Amino acid sequence: MLESARNLTETQLPLSIQLIIQNKAVFGCQIHSLAISMMSTLIHSEPTSLVILQEAGLPEALYNAIDSGIEPAFDVITAIPSALGALCLNEVGLQQLNVRQAIPAIFSVLTSERHAKILRDRDHTSVVGSTIDELIRHQPSLRKTGTEGTLTFLNEIDRIGKAVDITASQFINVQLKACGEEPSQAAIESITSSVPAVSTQSSPQDVVMDESQAVPVSASNLFHSTTASVRKKEKEKDEKDHYSNNTVPLLIDVACRLLESMLKNVAHCQDFVTLSGLHLLLGHL
C-alpha cells in the first residue's frame, strides 16, 4: 500500500489534483471535494509524499481555493479540515497553514445563510464539528486558533442578531405559535351526525360481508387524523417562515450542533470556557 501511494505521487496524479482544485468552478463541487479527499488520502497513506506535493504546489492551490470562497456543499466543507490536517504533518506545512489563516476561513462561512442551510440538514453540522475537532486534536498548536475561530463565529452571530430590525409583522413570525385548540365534542358529533346512516335492511343487490372483511371507519378518528395532518403541515410552514424571516435562529442552531461535537474533547472544552465562550453562547439564548 505504501509503495503504491509512493508510486502515485510520481505520476501525473498530483498535477491532475492541482488542476481540479484550481478550476473548481469548471469541475463542480463533487469532483472538487473528491480531489481534496484524494490528496488527503495520499498524504495519510504515505506521509513522506507531503514534500512532493508541496513542491508541486498543491497546498498553495488549496489555500487559494479556500480564499476564493468555500462552496456551500457538504462534501467540500467536510473535506477541507481533513486536508488541512494532512498538509500540516511537517513543520513547513504547519507554518504555511498558520500564515494562510485557513481555519478562520472555515468558521467564517458558517455564518453564511447558504452554508447554514446545508449544515442544518440531518447531522451535517455534527460531522463538520468532528472533523474540526480531529484537526485541532492532532495538532495541539492549533488549539488556540480553533478556539478563537469559534469565538469569532459566535461574535458574528451576535452582531448579525443585533443588526436585525424586527418590525411588528416580523415579530409575529419569529414567535412560537400556540397549538390550535382541540376539536370540541360538539364539533365531532356534528361531523358524525352529517354522515348518512347506513340502512340495515338488505336487498338482493347487497353484497354480504362477514365480520373479518368489514373495516369500520370512525368519523371521529378520521377527523382527528385529518386535523393532525393539517397541523403538521402548518408547523413545517411556520418553521420555514421562521428561518426565512430571521436567519439568527438558524445560525444559533448550527453553532450549538457544531459545539456539541467540538467540545467533547476535555481540553477544547476547557479552552472554550476559559476564554468566556460559555458566557458568549448563553448570551444567544
Protein backbone atom coordinates (compact mmCIF):
# COMPACT_ATOMS: atom_id res chain seq x y z
CA MET A 1 0.00 0.00 0.00
CA LEU A 2 2.78 2.42 0.92
CA GLU A 3 4.65 1.57 -2.25
CA SER A 4 1.50 2.13 -4.31
CA ALA A 5 0.92 5.54 -2.71
CA ARG A 6 4.55 6.50 -3.31
CA ASN A 7 4.26 5.47 -6.95
CA LEU A 8 1.09 7.53 -7.40
CA THR A 9 2.82 10.70 -6.28
CA GLU A 10 5.38 10.18 -9.02
CA THR A 11 2.72 10.08 -11.73
CA GLN A 12 0.57 12.83 -13.21
CA LEU A 13 -1.96 12.45 -10.36
CA PRO A 14 -0.70 15.41 -8.26
CA LEU A 15 -0.87 17.64 -11.32
CA SER A 16 -4.41 16.44 -12.05
CA ILE A 17 -5.50 17.11 -8.46
CA GLN A 18 -3.99 20.57 -8.63
CA LEU A 19 -5.77 21.26 -11.92
CA ILE A 20 -9.14 20.28 -10.44
CA ILE A 21 -8.64 22.38 -7.30
CA GLN A 22 -7.59 25.41 -9.31
CA ASN A 23 -10.63 25.06 -11.60
CA LYS A 24 -13.29 24.07 -9.09
CA ALA A 25 -15.95 26.11 -10.88
CA VAL A 26 -15.43 24.03 -14.02
CA PHE A 27 -15.40 20.57 -12.40
CA GLY A 28 -18.10 21.19 -9.82
CA CYS A 29 -18.36 20.62 -6.08
CA GLN A 30 -18.46 16.83 -6.19
CA ILE A 31 -15.26 16.36 -8.21
CA HIS A 32 -13.64 19.23 -6.31
CA SER A 33 -14.29 17.52 -2.97
CA LEU A 34 -13.07 14.18 -4.33
CA ALA A 35 -9.79 15.79 -5.42
CA ILE A 36 -9.28 17.28 -1.95
CA SER A 37 -10.05 13.94 -0.29
CA MET A 38 -7.67 12.13 -2.64
CA MET A 39 -4.86 14.49 -1.72
CA SER A 40 -5.53 13.83 1.99
CA THR A 41 -5.57 10.07 1.41
CA LEU A 42 -2.23 10.16 -0.40
CA ILE A 43 -0.57 12.06 2.44
CA HIS A 44 -2.04 9.94 5.22
CA SER A 45 -1.10 6.76 3.37
CA GLU A 46 2.47 7.91 2.77
CA PRO A 47 3.46 10.96 4.90
CA THR A 48 6.73 11.39 3.00
CA SER A 49 4.70 12.24 -0.10
CA LEU A 50 3.76 15.55 1.53
CA VAL A 51 7.12 17.02 0.50
CA ILE A 52 6.49 16.01 -3.11
CA LEU A 53 3.02 17.55 -3.08
CA GLN A 54 4.38 20.73 -1.50
CA GLU A 55 6.96 21.01 -4.26
CA ALA A 56 4.17 20.52 -6.79
CA GLY A 57 2.23 23.43 -5.26
CA LEU A 58 -0.87 21.56 -4.10
CA PRO A 59 -1.11 23.25 -0.68
CA GLU A 60 -0.98 26.68 -2.30
CA ALA A 61 -3.68 25.64 -4.75
CA LEU A 62 -5.95 24.53 -1.90
CA TYR A 63 -5.35 27.68 0.16
CA ASN A 64 -6.09 29.85 -2.86
CA ALA A 65 -9.31 27.91 -3.43
CA ILE A 66 -10.31 28.48 0.21
CA ASP A 67 -9.52 32.19 -0.09
CA SER A 68 -11.74 32.46 -3.16
CA GLY A 69 -14.66 31.04 -1.18
CA ILE A 70 -15.77 27.68 0.17
CA GLU A 71 -18.70 26.30 -1.80
CA PRO A 72 -21.97 25.67 0.09
CA ALA A 73 -21.63 21.91 -0.36
CA PHE A 74 -21.40 19.43 2.49
CA ASP A 75 -18.72 17.29 0.81
CA VAL A 76 -16.44 20.28 0.28
CA ILE A 77 -16.91 21.67 3.79
CA THR A 78 -16.04 18.33 5.41
CA ALA A 79 -13.13 17.55 3.08
CA ILE A 80 -11.23 20.77 3.83
CA PRO A 81 -10.49 20.22 7.58
CA SER A 82 -9.22 16.72 6.86
CA ALA A 83 -6.98 18.06 4.09
CA LEU A 84 -5.60 20.78 6.36
CA GLY A 85 -4.73 18.12 8.93
CA ALA A 86 -2.77 16.23 6.30
CA LEU A 87 -0.98 19.32 4.96
CA CYS A 88 0.40 20.33 8.37
CA LEU A 89 2.09 17.00 9.18
CA ASN A 90 5.51 18.61 8.78
CA GLU A 91 6.85 21.90 10.08
CA VAL A 92 6.74 23.63 6.70
CA GLY A 93 3.11 22.70 6.23
CA LEU A 94 2.18 23.85 9.75
CA GLN A 95 3.79 27.25 9.22
CA GLN A 96 2.07 27.56 5.87
CA LEU A 97 -1.30 26.78 7.45
CA ASN A 98 -0.84 29.42 10.14
CA VAL A 99 0.18 32.06 7.61
CA ARG A 100 -2.76 31.44 5.28
CA GLN A 101 -5.38 31.54 8.09
CA ALA A 102 -7.37 28.66 6.62
CA ILE A 103 -9.05 27.64 9.89
CA PRO A 104 -10.69 31.07 10.48
CA ALA A 105 -11.91 30.89 6.88
CA ILE A 106 -13.81 27.68 7.70
CA PHE A 107 -15.59 29.32 10.63
CA SER A 108 -16.37 32.44 8.60
CA VAL A 109 -18.51 30.55 6.09
CA LEU A 110 -20.62 29.07 8.88
CA THR A 111 -22.33 32.43 9.30
CA SER A 112 -23.43 32.36 5.68
CA GLU A 113 -27.12 31.58 5.26
CA ARG A 114 -26.44 29.36 2.22
CA HIS A 115 -23.88 27.28 4.15
CA ALA A 116 -26.01 27.18 7.30
CA LYS A 117 -28.98 25.76 5.39
CA ILE A 118 -26.76 22.97 4.05
CA LEU A 119 -25.42 22.16 7.53
CA ARG A 120 -28.88 22.16 9.13
CA ASP A 121 -29.85 19.05 7.18
CA ARG A 122 -29.55 15.76 9.10
CA ASP A 123 -26.29 15.53 11.10
CA HIS A 124 -24.10 17.55 8.73
CA THR A 125 -23.11 20.09 11.38
CA SER A 126 -22.01 17.36 13.79
CA VAL A 127 -19.81 15.80 11.11
CA VAL A 128 -18.14 19.15 10.37
CA GLY A 129 -17.59 19.71 14.09
CA SER A 130 -15.97 16.29 14.41
CA THR A 131 -13.57 16.96 11.52
CA ILE A 132 -12.54 20.31 13.02
CA ASP A 133 -12.09 18.65 16.43
CA GLU A 134 -9.88 15.97 14.86
CA LEU A 135 -7.75 18.61 13.14
CA ILE A 136 -7.16 20.53 16.37
CA ARG A 137 -6.64 17.38 18.43
CA HIS A 138 -3.88 16.07 16.15
CA GLN A 139 -2.14 19.47 16.09
CA PRO A 140 -2.17 20.90 19.64
CA SER A 141 -0.54 24.10 18.38
CA LEU A 142 -3.80 24.84 16.54
CA ARG A 143 -5.95 24.73 19.68
CA LYS A 144 -5.77 28.48 20.21
CA THR A 145 -6.57 29.19 16.58
CA GLY A 146 -9.54 26.83 16.66
CA THR A 147 -10.94 28.27 19.89
CA GLU A 148 -10.52 31.85 18.68
CA GLY A 149 -12.25 30.90 15.43
CA THR A 150 -15.17 29.51 17.42
CA LEU A 151 -15.48 32.69 19.48
CA THR A 152 -15.29 34.84 16.34
CA PHE A 153 -18.09 32.71 14.87
CA LEU A 154 -20.28 33.30 17.94
CA ASN A 155 -19.50 37.03 17.99
CA GLU A 156 -20.50 37.29 14.35
CA ILE A 157 -23.85 35.66 15.12
CA ASP A 158 -24.31 38.18 17.91
CA ARG A 159 -23.53 41.04 15.51
CA ILE A 160 -25.99 39.71 12.93
CA GLY A 161 -28.67 39.32 15.59
CA LYS A 162 -28.26 42.89 16.84
CA ALA A 163 -28.48 44.21 13.28
CA VAL A 164 -31.86 42.56 12.68
CA ASP A 165 -34.66 45.14 12.59
CA ILE A 166 -37.67 43.27 13.88
CA THR A 167 -40.81 45.11 12.83
CA ALA A 168 -44.24 44.34 14.19
CA SER A 169 -45.03 41.97 11.31
CA GLN A 170 -41.71 40.14 11.55
CA PHE A 171 -42.03 39.82 15.31
CA ILE A 172 -45.17 37.75 14.91
CA ASN A 173 -43.39 35.34 12.56
CA VAL A 174 -40.45 34.66 14.87
CA GLN A 175 -42.59 33.79 17.87
CA LEU A 176 -43.59 30.26 18.68
CA LYS A 177 -47.21 29.90 17.71
CA ALA A 178 -49.62 28.32 20.17
CA CYS A 179 -51.10 24.97 19.29
CA GLY A 180 -54.59 25.12 17.88
CA GLU A 181 -57.47 24.29 20.13
CA GLU A 182 -58.55 20.69 20.37
CA PRO A 183 -61.74 19.99 18.42
CA SER A 184 -64.76 20.12 20.69
CA GLN A 185 -67.00 17.13 21.26
CA ALA A 186 -69.86 19.11 19.72
CA ALA A 187 -67.90 19.54 16.50
CA ILE A 188 -67.10 15.84 16.38
CA GLU A 189 -70.75 14.93 16.97
CA SER A 190 -71.76 17.40 14.28
CA ILE A 191 -69.46 15.70 11.76
CA THR A 192 -70.61 12.29 12.90
CA SER A 193 -74.26 13.24 12.50
CA SER A 194 -73.61 14.50 8.98
CA VAL A 195 -72.51 11.05 7.86
CA PRO A 196 -75.51 9.40 6.19
CA ALA A 197 -76.92 6.45 8.05
CA VAL A 198 -76.41 3.05 6.52
CA SER A 199 -79.57 1.04 6.00
CA THR A 200 -79.71 -2.17 7.96
CA GLN A 201 -82.15 -3.84 5.52
CA SER A 202 -80.51 -5.98 2.92
CA SER A 203 -81.59 -6.12 -0.69
CA PRO A 204 -80.86 -8.70 -3.38
CA GLN A 205 -78.18 -6.41 -4.79
CA ASP A 206 -76.39 -6.03 -1.46
CA VAL A 207 -73.07 -7.76 -1.00
CA VAL A 208 -72.95 -9.55 2.29
CA MET A 209 -69.58 -9.33 4.10
CA ASP A 210 -68.61 -11.26 7.15
CA GLU A 211 -67.05 -9.61 10.18
CA SER A 212 -63.48 -10.40 9.08
CA GLN A 213 -63.99 -8.40 5.87
CA ALA A 214 -65.70 -5.39 7.41
CA VAL A 215 -63.45 -2.40 8.03
CA PRO A 216 -65.44 0.18 10.03
CA VAL A 217 -64.03 3.70 10.00
CA SER A 218 -64.97 6.04 12.83
CA ALA A 219 -65.76 9.57 11.76
CA SER A 220 -64.19 10.80 14.97
CA ASN A 221 -60.88 9.02 14.22
CA LEU A 222 -60.92 10.29 10.65
CA PHE A 223 -61.45 13.86 11.88
CA HIS A 224 -58.58 13.61 14.37
CA SER A 225 -56.27 12.14 11.72
CA THR A 226 -57.06 14.91 9.24
CA THR A 227 -56.61 17.59 11.90
CA ALA A 228 -53.21 16.19 12.92
CA SER A 229 -52.05 16.14 9.28
CA VAL A 230 -53.06 19.77 8.77
CA ARG A 231 -51.31 20.84 11.97
CA LYS A 232 -48.13 19.06 10.92
CA LYS A 233 -48.07 20.90 7.59
CA GLU A 234 -48.76 24.22 9.30
CA LYS A 235 -45.93 23.58 11.77
CA GLU A 236 -43.47 22.82 8.95
CA LYS A 237 -44.57 26.00 7.17
CA ASP A 238 -44.17 28.05 10.35
CA GLU A 239 -40.64 26.70 10.87
CA LYS A 240 -39.73 27.52 7.27
CA ASP A 241 -41.13 31.06 7.61
CA HIS A 242 -39.37 31.38 10.95
CA TYR A 243 -35.93 30.80 9.37
CA SER A 244 -36.69 32.73 6.17
CA ASN A 245 -37.61 35.91 8.07
CA ASN A 246 -34.73 35.74 10.53
CA THR A 247 -31.54 33.74 9.94
CA VAL A 248 -30.29 34.20 13.50
CA PRO A 249 -32.15 31.15 14.92
CA LEU A 250 -30.73 29.10 12.05
CA LEU A 251 -27.17 30.23 12.85
CA ILE A 252 -27.64 29.55 16.57
CA ASP A 253 -28.90 26.07 15.74
CA VAL A 254 -25.79 25.40 13.62
CA ALA A 255 -23.50 26.84 16.31
CA CYS A 256 -24.94 24.65 19.07
CA ARG A 257 -24.66 21.48 16.99
CA LEU A 258 -21.11 22.37 15.97
CA LEU A 259 -20.03 22.99 19.57
CA GLU A 260 -21.69 19.78 20.70
CA SER A 261 -19.24 17.83 18.52
CA MET A 262 -16.17 20.00 19.11
CA LEU A 263 -16.41 20.29 22.89
CA LYS A 264 -16.50 16.57 23.56
CA ASN A 265 -12.74 16.88 23.94
CA VAL A 266 -11.95 17.98 27.51
CA ALA A 267 -9.03 20.19 26.50
CA HIS A 268 -11.10 22.04 23.91
CA CYS A 269 -13.92 22.48 26.40
CA GLN A 270 -11.56 23.95 28.98
CA ASP A 271 -10.14 26.43 26.46
CA PHE A 272 -13.65 27.43 25.41
CA VAL A 273 -14.77 28.09 28.99
CA THR A 274 -11.53 29.88 29.92
CA LEU A 275 -11.97 32.35 27.05
CA SER A 276 -15.55 33.12 28.18
CA GLY A 277 -17.06 31.14 25.34
CA LEU A 278 -19.81 29.75 27.56
CA HIS A 279 -20.89 33.25 28.58
CA LEU A 280 -20.98 34.27 24.93
CA LEU A 281 -23.00 31.21 23.96
CA LEU A 282 -25.56 31.71 26.73
CA GLY A 283 -25.97 35.29 25.58
CA HIS A 284 -27.57 33.98 22.37
CA LEU A 285 -30.26 32.07 24.23
